[in-house]
Amino acid sequence: MIRRNQPSLPPKQRSVRRCPLVASAEVTEPHSRALLSGRTSEIGLGGCYVDTLNSFPEGTLVGLRILRDHGVFETKAKVVYSDTGFGMGLAFTEMTPDQRSLLEAWLAEIVSQLRLVGSPH
């Protein structure tokens, strides 16, 4: 039975679809200049998840760099949740038009690859 009075988005549920992406990531806290290195596991237009043993606390504003063969994506983000020992979920807060275009191109590439993998031969 479906209950209609539940909130529209449960915790950690995203309003924008994310795609799998494994790439090197650097997350920097600008005031202390603390740098955490890790890798992304998924990404979307609104944010990403970074796998890392250490993470910044929820609410921390950070700089993010994702490095791939297809370029470097840089933006400002906010830690929306932190899974100690596993990683952190980041929401993008300030993205330049050029960086948004790069991210959109990456996502289009990922989606087209997923369709090829999932299509019958």
N, C-alpha and C. Protein backbone atom coordinates (compact mmCIF):
# COMPACT_ATOMS: atom_id res chain seq x y z
N MET A 1 0.84 -1.18 0.00
CA MET A 1 0.00 0.00 0.00
C MET A 1 0.89 1.25 0.00
N ILE A 2 0.55 2.23 -0.80
CA ILE A 2 1.32 3.47 -0.90
C ILE A 2 0.70 4.52 0.02
N ARG A 3 1.55 5.12 0.85
CA ARG A 3 1.10 6.20 1.73
C ARG A 3 1.38 7.53 1.04
N ARG A 4 0.38 8.33 0.86
CA ARG A 4 0.51 9.58 0.10
C ARG A 4 1.01 10.75 0.95
N ASN A 5 1.00 10.66 2.26
CA ASN A 5 1.36 11.79 3.10
C ASN A 5 2.83 11.82 3.49
N GLN A 6 3.64 10.99 2.87
CA GLN A 6 5.06 10.99 3.16
C GLN A 6 5.73 12.17 2.46
N PRO A 7 6.87 12.63 3.00
CA PRO A 7 7.60 13.70 2.31
C PRO A 7 7.97 13.26 0.90
N SER A 8 8.07 14.22 0.01
CA SER A 8 8.34 13.87 -1.40
C SER A 8 9.75 13.32 -1.60
N LEU A 9 10.71 13.73 -0.77
CA LEU A 9 12.08 13.24 -0.93
C LEU A 9 12.60 12.69 0.40
N PRO A 10 12.77 11.38 0.51
CA PRO A 10 13.35 10.83 1.73
C PRO A 10 14.79 11.32 1.91
N PRO A 11 15.38 11.17 3.11
CA PRO A 11 16.77 11.60 3.30
C PRO A 11 17.70 10.97 2.27
N LYS A 12 18.68 11.76 1.83
CA LYS A 12 19.68 11.34 0.84
C LYS A 12 19.08 11.06 -0.54
N GLN A 13 17.82 11.36 -0.75
CA GLN A 13 17.20 11.20 -2.07
C GLN A 13 17.48 12.47 -2.86
N ARG A 14 17.80 12.34 -4.13
CA ARG A 14 18.15 13.49 -4.94
C ARG A 14 17.02 13.86 -5.88
N SER A 15 16.92 15.15 -6.17
CA SER A 15 15.91 15.59 -7.13
C SER A 15 16.45 15.50 -8.55
N VAL A 16 17.77 15.36 -8.70
CA VAL A 16 18.39 15.25 -10.02
C VAL A 16 19.09 13.89 -10.11
N ARG A 17 18.93 13.22 -11.24
CA ARG A 17 19.54 11.91 -11.43
C ARG A 17 21.06 12.01 -11.41
N ARG A 18 21.69 11.02 -10.81
CA ARG A 18 23.14 10.94 -10.83
C ARG A 18 23.56 9.75 -11.67
N CYS A 19 24.75 9.88 -12.26
CA CYS A 19 25.31 8.84 -13.11
C CYS A 19 26.60 8.31 -12.48
N PRO A 20 26.91 7.04 -12.72
CA PRO A 20 28.17 6.52 -12.18
C PRO A 20 29.36 7.19 -12.85
N LEU A 21 30.34 7.59 -12.07
CA LEU A 21 31.58 8.17 -12.60
C LEU A 21 32.69 7.94 -11.59
N VAL A 22 33.68 7.18 -11.98
CA VAL A 22 34.85 6.99 -11.14
C VAL A 22 35.96 7.87 -11.70
N ALA A 23 36.35 8.87 -10.92
CA ALA A 23 37.40 9.81 -11.33
C ALA A 23 38.08 10.35 -10.08
N SER A 24 39.32 10.78 -10.22
CA SER A 24 40.05 11.38 -9.10
C SER A 24 39.38 12.68 -8.68
N ALA A 25 39.34 12.91 -7.37
CA ALA A 25 38.72 14.12 -6.85
C ALA A 25 39.58 14.72 -5.75
N GLU A 26 39.58 16.04 -5.70
CA GLU A 26 40.26 16.78 -4.64
C GLU A 26 39.24 17.72 -4.04
N VAL A 27 39.08 17.63 -2.72
CA VAL A 27 38.14 18.49 -2.01
C VAL A 27 38.95 19.33 -1.03
N THR A 28 38.82 20.66 -1.15
CA THR A 28 39.63 21.58 -0.34
C THR A 28 38.73 22.48 0.50
N GLU A 29 39.07 22.59 1.79
CA GLU A 29 38.40 23.54 2.67
C GLU A 29 39.22 24.82 2.58
N PRO A 30 38.65 25.91 2.03
CA PRO A 30 39.45 27.09 1.69
C PRO A 30 40.09 27.82 2.87
N HIS A 31 39.47 27.84 4.05
CA HIS A 31 40.04 28.60 5.16
C HIS A 31 41.28 27.92 5.73
N SER A 32 41.22 26.62 5.97
CA SER A 32 42.37 25.90 6.52
C SER A 32 43.28 25.37 5.42
N ARG A 33 42.79 25.38 4.19
CA ARG A 33 43.48 24.81 3.03
C ARG A 33 43.69 23.31 3.15
N ALA A 34 42.89 22.69 4.02
CA ALA A 34 42.95 21.22 4.16
C ALA A 34 42.48 20.60 2.85
N LEU A 35 43.21 19.60 2.40
CA LEU A 35 42.92 18.94 1.13
C LEU A 35 42.67 17.46 1.37
N LEU A 36 41.53 16.98 0.90
CA LEU A 36 41.21 15.55 0.95
C LEU A 36 41.20 15.03 -0.48
N SER A 37 41.90 13.93 -0.70
CA SER A 37 41.90 13.30 -2.01
C SER A 37 41.02 12.06 -1.96
N GLY A 38 40.33 11.80 -3.03
CA GLY A 38 39.47 10.63 -3.10
C GLY A 38 39.08 10.38 -4.54
N ARG A 39 37.92 9.78 -4.71
CA ARG A 39 37.42 9.56 -6.07
C ARG A 39 35.90 9.65 -6.04
N THR A 40 35.38 10.11 -7.14
CA THR A 40 33.93 10.18 -7.25
C THR A 40 33.39 8.78 -7.53
N SER A 41 32.16 8.54 -7.11
CA SER A 41 31.50 7.29 -7.48
C SER A 41 30.25 7.57 -8.29
N GLU A 42 29.69 8.77 -8.11
CA GLU A 42 28.53 9.18 -8.91
C GLU A 42 28.49 10.69 -8.98
N ILE A 43 27.84 11.17 -10.06
CA ILE A 43 27.80 12.62 -10.28
C ILE A 43 26.53 12.98 -11.04
N GLY A 44 26.04 14.18 -10.80
CA GLY A 44 24.89 14.72 -11.53
C GLY A 44 25.05 16.22 -11.62
N LEU A 45 24.09 16.90 -12.21
CA LEU A 45 24.18 18.35 -12.35
C LEU A 45 24.16 19.06 -11.00
N GLY A 46 23.57 18.42 -9.99
CA GLY A 46 23.44 19.08 -8.70
C GLY A 46 24.51 18.74 -7.69
N GLY A 47 25.26 17.66 -7.92
CA GLY A 47 26.26 17.29 -6.94
C GLY A 47 26.91 15.96 -7.25
N CYS A 48 27.67 15.46 -6.27
CA CYS A 48 28.37 14.19 -6.47
C CYS A 48 28.64 13.55 -5.12
N TYR A 49 29.10 12.31 -5.17
CA TYR A 49 29.56 11.61 -3.98
C TYR A 49 31.04 11.34 -4.15
N VAL A 50 31.82 11.67 -3.12
CA VAL A 50 33.26 11.46 -3.15
C VAL A 50 33.61 10.39 -2.11
N ASP A 51 34.19 9.29 -2.59
CA ASP A 51 34.69 8.23 -1.71
C ASP A 51 36.02 8.68 -1.13
N THR A 52 36.10 8.75 0.20
CA THR A 52 37.32 9.14 0.88
C THR A 52 37.26 8.65 2.33
N LEU A 53 38.37 8.24 2.88
CA LEU A 53 38.38 7.74 4.26
C LEU A 53 38.01 8.83 5.26
N ASN A 54 38.51 10.04 5.03
CA ASN A 54 38.19 11.17 5.89
C ASN A 54 37.21 12.06 5.14
N SER A 55 36.40 12.79 5.87
CA SER A 55 35.49 13.72 5.20
C SER A 55 35.33 14.97 6.05
N PHE A 56 34.88 16.02 5.39
CA PHE A 56 34.60 17.26 6.10
C PHE A 56 33.21 17.15 6.73
N PRO A 57 32.97 17.90 7.80
CA PRO A 57 31.66 17.84 8.45
C PRO A 57 30.55 18.40 7.56
N GLU A 58 29.34 17.92 7.80
CA GLU A 58 28.16 18.41 7.09
C GLU A 58 28.09 19.92 7.22
N GLY A 59 27.77 20.60 6.11
CA GLY A 59 27.66 22.05 6.10
C GLY A 59 28.93 22.78 5.69
N THR A 60 30.06 22.09 5.60
CA THR A 60 31.33 22.71 5.22
C THR A 60 31.29 23.15 3.76
N LEU A 61 31.71 24.38 3.50
CA LEU A 61 31.84 24.87 2.13
C LEU A 61 33.23 24.49 1.63
N VAL A 62 33.30 23.93 0.42
CA VAL A 62 34.56 23.41 -0.09
C VAL A 62 34.74 23.77 -1.57
N GLY A 63 35.97 23.61 -2.02
CA GLY A 63 36.28 23.67 -3.44
C GLY A 63 36.44 22.24 -3.92
N LEU A 64 35.99 21.96 -5.12
CA LEU A 64 36.04 20.60 -5.66
C LEU A 64 36.71 20.61 -7.02
N ARG A 65 37.62 19.64 -7.22
CA ARG A 65 38.24 19.41 -8.54
C ARG A 65 38.07 17.94 -8.86
N ILE A 66 37.53 17.66 -10.04
CA ILE A 66 37.41 16.28 -10.52
C ILE A 66 38.28 16.18 -11.77
N LEU A 67 39.21 15.22 -11.76
CA LEU A 67 40.17 15.10 -12.84
C LEU A 67 39.89 13.85 -13.65
N ARG A 68 39.75 14.02 -14.95
CA ARG A 68 39.53 12.92 -15.90
C ARG A 68 40.41 13.14 -17.11
N ASP A 69 40.46 12.12 -17.97
CA ASP A 69 41.16 12.27 -19.25
C ASP A 69 40.51 13.37 -20.08
N HIS A 70 39.22 13.61 -19.84
CA HIS A 70 38.45 14.57 -20.63
C HIS A 70 38.44 15.96 -20.03
N GLY A 71 39.40 16.27 -19.16
CA GLY A 71 39.48 17.61 -18.59
C GLY A 71 39.34 17.61 -17.08
N VAL A 72 39.29 18.83 -16.53
CA VAL A 72 39.18 19.03 -15.09
C VAL A 72 37.94 19.87 -14.82
N PHE A 73 37.07 19.36 -13.96
CA PHE A 73 35.86 20.07 -13.55
C PHE A 73 36.13 20.68 -12.18
N GLU A 74 35.87 21.99 -12.06
CA GLU A 74 36.08 22.69 -10.79
C GLU A 74 34.84 23.48 -10.43
N THR A 75 34.46 23.41 -9.15
CA THR A 75 33.31 24.17 -8.69
C THR A 75 33.39 24.32 -7.18
N LYS A 76 32.52 25.16 -6.64
CA LYS A 76 32.37 25.26 -5.20
C LYS A 76 31.20 24.36 -4.82
N ALA A 77 31.29 23.80 -3.61
CA ALA A 77 30.25 22.87 -3.18
C ALA A 77 30.07 22.95 -1.67
N LYS A 78 29.02 22.29 -1.20
CA LYS A 78 28.73 22.22 0.22
C LYS A 78 28.56 20.75 0.59
N VAL A 79 29.15 20.35 1.71
CA VAL A 79 28.99 18.97 2.18
C VAL A 79 27.56 18.84 2.72
N VAL A 80 26.76 18.00 2.08
CA VAL A 80 25.36 17.83 2.52
C VAL A 80 25.19 16.63 3.43
N TYR A 81 26.09 15.67 3.34
CA TYR A 81 26.14 14.60 4.33
C TYR A 81 27.52 13.98 4.31
N SER A 82 27.87 13.42 5.47
CA SER A 82 29.19 12.85 5.65
C SER A 82 29.05 11.45 6.22
N ASP A 83 29.65 10.47 5.54
CA ASP A 83 29.66 9.09 6.00
C ASP A 83 31.09 8.78 6.46
N THR A 84 31.35 8.93 7.75
CA THR A 84 32.70 8.74 8.28
C THR A 84 33.28 7.40 7.84
N GLY A 85 34.48 7.45 7.28
CA GLY A 85 35.15 6.24 6.83
C GLY A 85 34.78 5.83 5.42
N PHE A 86 33.78 6.48 4.82
CA PHE A 86 33.33 6.12 3.48
C PHE A 86 33.41 7.27 2.49
N GLY A 87 32.94 8.45 2.87
CA GLY A 87 32.97 9.58 1.95
C GLY A 87 31.96 10.64 2.32
N MET A 88 31.64 11.48 1.34
CA MET A 88 30.72 12.58 1.58
C MET A 88 29.94 12.94 0.32
N GLY A 89 28.72 13.38 0.54
CA GLY A 89 27.87 13.87 -0.53
C GLY A 89 28.02 15.37 -0.64
N LEU A 90 28.26 15.84 -1.85
CA LEU A 90 28.46 17.27 -2.09
C LEU A 90 27.37 17.82 -2.99
N ALA A 91 26.88 19.01 -2.65
CA ALA A 91 25.95 19.73 -3.52
C ALA A 91 26.71 20.90 -4.12
N PHE A 92 26.64 21.04 -5.45
CA PHE A 92 27.33 22.14 -6.11
C PHE A 92 26.62 23.45 -5.76
N THR A 93 27.40 24.48 -5.40
CA THR A 93 26.81 25.75 -4.99
C THR A 93 27.06 26.88 -5.97
N GLU A 94 28.24 26.91 -6.57
CA GLU A 94 28.57 27.96 -7.54
C GLU A 94 29.31 27.31 -8.70
N MET A 95 28.71 27.37 -9.86
CA MET A 95 29.32 26.74 -11.03
C MET A 95 29.34 27.75 -12.18
N THR A 96 30.49 27.95 -12.79
CA THR A 96 30.57 28.87 -13.93
C THR A 96 29.89 28.21 -15.13
N PRO A 97 29.45 29.01 -16.08
CA PRO A 97 28.83 28.44 -17.29
C PRO A 97 29.76 27.47 -18.02
N ASP A 98 31.06 27.77 -18.07
CA ASP A 98 32.02 26.88 -18.74
C ASP A 98 32.10 25.53 -18.02
N GLN A 99 32.12 25.58 -16.70
CA GLN A 99 32.20 24.33 -15.93
C GLN A 99 30.90 23.53 -16.06
N ARG A 100 29.77 24.23 -16.09
CA ARG A 100 28.49 23.54 -16.27
C ARG A 100 28.46 22.85 -17.64
N SER A 101 28.95 23.51 -18.66
CA SER A 101 29.00 22.92 -20.00
C SER A 101 29.88 21.67 -20.02
N LEU A 102 31.02 21.73 -19.33
CA LEU A 102 31.90 20.57 -19.25
C LEU A 102 31.20 19.42 -18.55
N LEU A 103 30.55 19.70 -17.42
CA LEU A 103 29.83 18.66 -16.69
C LEU A 103 28.70 18.07 -17.53
N GLU A 104 27.96 18.92 -18.23
CA GLU A 104 26.87 18.42 -19.09
C GLU A 104 27.43 17.51 -20.18
N ALA A 105 28.59 17.85 -20.74
CA ALA A 105 29.21 17.01 -21.76
C ALA A 105 29.61 15.66 -21.17
N TRP A 106 30.19 15.67 -19.96
CA TRP A 106 30.55 14.42 -19.30
C TRP A 106 29.32 13.55 -19.07
N LEU A 107 28.24 14.17 -18.57
CA LEU A 107 27.02 13.41 -18.28
C LEU A 107 26.41 12.84 -19.55
N ALA A 108 26.42 13.61 -20.64
CA ALA A 108 25.90 13.12 -21.92
C ALA A 108 26.71 11.92 -22.39
N GLU A 109 28.02 11.99 -22.23
CA GLU A 109 28.90 10.89 -22.61
C GLU A 109 28.60 9.64 -21.77
N ILE A 110 28.45 9.83 -20.46
CA ILE A 110 28.17 8.69 -19.57
C ILE A 110 26.83 8.05 -19.92
N VAL A 111 25.81 8.87 -20.12
CA VAL A 111 24.48 8.35 -20.45
C VAL A 111 24.51 7.58 -21.76
N SER A 112 25.22 8.10 -22.77
CA SER A 112 25.29 7.39 -24.06
C SER A 112 26.02 6.06 -23.90
N GLN A 113 27.06 6.01 -23.06
CA GLN A 113 27.77 4.75 -22.81
C GLN A 113 26.87 3.76 -22.08
N LEU A 114 26.09 4.26 -21.10
CA LEU A 114 25.17 3.39 -20.38
C LEU A 114 24.12 2.81 -21.30
N ARG A 115 23.65 3.61 -22.25
CA ARG A 115 22.65 3.11 -23.21
C ARG A 115 23.25 2.03 -24.10
N LEU A 116 24.52 2.20 -24.51
CA LEU A 116 25.18 1.19 -25.35
C LEU A 116 25.34 -0.12 -24.59
N VAL A 117 25.71 -0.03 -23.32
CA VAL A 117 25.89 -1.23 -22.50
C VAL A 117 24.56 -1.94 -22.29
N GLY A 118 23.50 -1.16 -22.10
CA GLY A 118 22.20 -1.73 -21.80
C GLY A 118 21.38 -2.14 -23.02
N SER A 119 21.84 -1.80 -24.23
CA SER A 119 21.04 -2.10 -25.43
C SER A 119 21.26 -3.55 -25.88
N PRO A 120 20.20 -4.20 -26.35
CA PRO A 120 20.35 -5.58 -26.85
C PRO A 120 21.13 -5.59 -28.17
N HIS A 121 21.89 -6.64 -28.39
CA HIS A 121 22.70 -6.73 -29.61
C HIS A 121 21.99 -7.51 -30.68
